[in-house]
Protein backbone atom coordinates (compact mmCIF):
# COMPACT_ATOMS: atom_id res chain seq x y z
CA UNK A 1 0.00 0.00 0.00
CA UNK A 2 1.46 3.34 -1.03
CA UNK A 3 -0.37 5.95 1.01
CA UNK A 4 1.09 9.15 2.36
CA UNK A 5 0.28 8.84 6.06
CA UNK A 6 1.78 10.31 9.19
CA UNK A 7 4.16 7.96 10.97
CA UNK A 8 1.62 7.31 13.73
CA UNK A 9 -1.28 6.66 11.34
CA UNK A 10 0.95 4.45 9.19
CA UNK A 11 1.69 2.38 12.32
CA UNK A 12 -2.03 2.11 13.14
CA UNK A 13 -2.91 1.00 9.61
CA UNK A 14 -0.03 -1.49 9.46
CA UNK A 15 -0.94 -3.04 12.81
CA UNK A 16 -4.62 -3.28 11.89
CA UNK A 17 -3.67 -4.85 8.56
CA UNK A 18 -1.69 -7.53 10.39
CA UNK A 19 -4.19 -8.19 13.14
CA UNK A 20 -7.36 -8.02 11.01
CA UNK A 21 -6.04 -9.08 7.61
CA UNK A 22 -9.30 -10.85 6.68
CA UNK A 23 -11.50 -8.00 7.88
CA UNK A 24 -9.95 -5.01 6.09
CA UNK A 25 -11.35 -4.62 2.58
CA UNK A 26 -9.85 -1.33 1.42
CA UNK A 27 -7.60 1.43 2.78
CA UNK A 28 -7.42 4.73 0.95
CA UNK A 29 -7.06 8.49 1.32
CA UNK A 30 -9.55 11.03 0.08
CA UNK A 31 -9.61 14.79 0.64
CA UNK A 32 -6.70 14.39 3.06
CA UNK A 33 -8.47 11.85 5.30
CA UNK A 34 -7.79 8.15 5.74
CA UNK A 35 -10.61 5.65 5.19
CA UNK A 36 -10.65 1.96 6.05
CA UNK A 37 -13.48 -0.19 4.76
CA UNK A 38 -14.02 -3.22 6.98
CA UNK A 39 -16.20 -6.32 7.06
CA UNK A 40 -19.33 -5.53 9.11
CA UNK A 41 -18.83 -8.59 11.34
CA UNK A 42 -15.56 -7.14 12.68
CA UNK A 43 -16.57 -3.54 13.37
CA UNK A 44 -16.78 -3.89 17.17
CA UNK A 45 -13.41 -5.67 17.50
CA UNK A 46 -11.68 -3.13 15.27
CA UNK A 47 -13.24 -0.21 17.15
CA UNK A 48 -12.16 -1.71 20.50
CA UNK A 49 -8.63 -2.09 19.21
CA UNK A 50 -8.54 1.47 17.89
CA UNK A 51 -9.81 2.89 21.17
CA UNK A 52 -7.78 0.77 23.60
CA UNK A 53 -4.49 0.45 21.74
CA UNK A 54 -4.31 3.53 19.53
CA UNK A 55 -6.21 6.09 21.65
CA UNK A 56 -9.03 6.82 19.22
CA UNK A 57 -11.11 7.72 22.26
CA UNK A 58 -13.41 10.22 20.56
CA UNK A 59 -16.22 9.01 18.34
CA UNK A 60 -17.07 12.26 16.56
CA UNK A 61 -19.94 10.90 14.49
CA UNK A 62 -21.60 7.93 12.83
CA UNK A 63 -23.10 8.64 9.43
CA UNK A 64 -25.33 6.68 7.12
CA UNK A 65 -25.43 6.90 3.35
CA UNK A 66 -27.57 5.32 0.68
CA UNK A 67 -25.23 4.31 -2.14
CA UNK A 68 -28.32 3.33 -4.20
CA UNK A 69 -26.63 0.27 -5.67
CA UNK A 70 -27.94 -3.24 -6.10
CA UNK A 71 -25.15 -4.73 -3.93
CA UNK A 72 -24.18 -3.39 -0.53
CA UNK A 73 -26.52 -0.45 -0.82
CA UNK A 74 -26.07 1.16 2.61
CA UNK A 75 -22.90 2.50 4.13
CA UNK A 76 -22.20 3.31 7.78
CA UNK A 77 -19.23 5.60 8.41
CA UNK A 78 -17.53 5.96 11.79
CA UNK A 79 -15.60 9.21 12.31
CA UNK A 80 -12.89 8.51 14.93
CA UNK A 81 -10.40 10.94 16.44
CA UNK A 82 -7.27 10.39 18.49
CA UNK A 83 -7.03 13.56 20.55
CA UNK A 84 -3.61 12.56 21.87
CA UNK A 85 -2.09 12.08 18.42
CA UNK A 86 -4.30 14.57 16.58
CA UNK A 87 -5.28 11.97 14.01
CA UNK A 88 -8.62 11.29 12.33
CA UNK A 89 -9.66 7.98 10.85
CA UNK A 90 -12.87 6.93 9.13
CA UNK A 91 -14.11 3.34 9.25
CA UNK A 92 -16.74 2.21 6.76
CA UNK A 93 -19.00 -0.79 6.49
CA UNK A 94 -21.23 -1.60 3.53
CA UNK A 95 -24.54 -3.35 4.15
CA UNK A 96 -27.00 -5.13 1.92
CA UNK A 97 -30.32 -3.53 0.96
CA UNK A 98 -32.42 -6.29 2.50
CA UNK A 99 -32.28 -6.17 6.28
CA UNK A 100 -29.25 -3.88 6.71
CA UNK A 101 -27.79 -4.72 10.12
CA UNK A 102 -24.46 -4.26 11.88
CA UNK A 103 -23.38 -4.66 15.50
CA UNK A 104 -23.64 -1.62 17.75
CA UNK A 105 -20.44 0.02 19.00
CA UNK A 106 -22.16 1.43 22.11
CA UNK A 107 -20.09 -0.96 24.24
CA UNK A 108 -16.99 0.83 22.92
CA UNK A 109 -18.31 4.40 22.97
CA UNK A 110 -21.52 5.19 24.85
CA UNK A 111 -21.92 8.24 22.62
CA UNK A 112 -22.66 5.90 19.70
CA UNK A 113 -26.17 5.50 21.12
CA UNK A 114 -27.80 8.54 19.52
CA UNK A 115 -25.66 8.42 16.37
CA UNK A 116 -26.80 4.85 15.69
CA UNK A 117 -30.40 5.72 16.44
CA UNK A 118 -30.23 8.55 13.92
CA UNK A 119 -28.85 6.22 11.22
CA UNK A 120 -31.59 3.73 12.07
CA UNK A 121 -34.30 6.40 11.93
CA UNK A 122 -33.20 7.94 8.63
CA UNK A 123 -31.92 4.87 6.71
CA UNK A 124 -33.40 1.80 8.43
CA UNK A 125 -30.04 0.32 9.41
CA UNK A 126 -30.50 -1.80 12.55
CA UNK A 127 -27.69 -1.96 15.12
CA UNK A 128 -27.58 -5.34 16.89
CA UNK A 129 -27.20 -5.22 20.69
CA UNK A 130 -28.08 -1.53 20.82
CA UNK A 131 -29.46 -0.61 24.28
CA UNK A 132 -32.39 1.46 22.94
CA UNK A 133 -33.02 0.83 19.24
CA UNK A 134 -35.97 3.09 18.54
CA UNK A 135 -36.62 6.08 16.36
CA UNK A 136 -35.19 9.40 17.43
CA UNK A 137 -36.89 11.92 15.08
CA UNK A 138 -39.76 10.20 13.32
CA UNK A 139 -42.80 8.66 15.06
CA UNK A 140 -42.37 5.00 16.00
CA UNK A 141 -45.21 3.99 13.65
CA UNK A 142 -43.70 5.80 10.64
CA UNK A 143 -43.12 3.14 7.96
CA UNK A 144 -40.49 4.98 5.92
CA UNK A 145 -36.86 6.09 6.13
CA UNK A 146 -36.58 9.70 4.93
CA UNK A 147 -32.92 9.70 3.78
CA UNK A 148 -33.24 6.68 1.51
CA UNK A 149 -32.96 7.64 -2.14
CA UNK A 150 -36.43 6.35 -3.05
CA UNK A 151 -38.11 8.56 -0.45
CA UNK A 152 -39.99 11.38 -2.30
CA UNK A 153 -38.50 14.87 -1.89
CA UNK A 154 -41.86 16.28 -0.82
CA UNK A 155 -42.54 13.41 1.56
CA UNK A 156 -45.40 10.94 1.43
CA UNK A 157 -48.79 12.66 1.47
CA UNK A 158 -50.80 11.79 4.55
CA UNK A 159 -48.01 9.89 6.28
CA UNK A 160 -47.64 12.53 9.01
CA UNK A 161 -50.10 15.24 9.96
CA UNK A 162 -48.44 18.57 9.25
CA UNK A 163 -49.33 21.97 10.65
CA UNK A 164 -51.22 24.38 8.41
CA UNK A 165 -49.02 26.40 6.10
CA UNK A 166 -51.43 29.33 6.05
CA UNK A 167 -51.56 31.83 8.90
CA UNK A 168 -54.61 32.05 11.12
CA UNK A 169 -56.90 34.92 10.02
CA UNK A 170 -58.64 35.72 13.28
């Protein structure tokens, strides 16, 4: 691999490559950041290793994306920061369209709780072993996931009662 990485980040990537050789799918740089795509089944172990051994103690965010492809449609991105070493690393997992699930990392970072709930609420990705897997923005009985590509831009008429858009004329 011929990536321009800091010495510390190079060490992290090399060690992960040795320890999780079957779990790392791709390592690349984009817009100055380092991305590692991993097998979904190994996300918790890799996150534990990054936190405990390499001081990536800050989980800045977990994002969902809809790649809108026939294979591995959904992507979950973990934005990790080592405050000690001033390094940022992104982990990615790709999930199938049917029943997109991945293990929760709340046992590694408690702050993952709301991030994972947001990804669940907007994309329908379920996080196994999550302590409170329920919707965070949308009503529990809402049957749709608003950030999926097939969701209509103007919403689904009648799915949620909206306030009147005209001012009261009293």
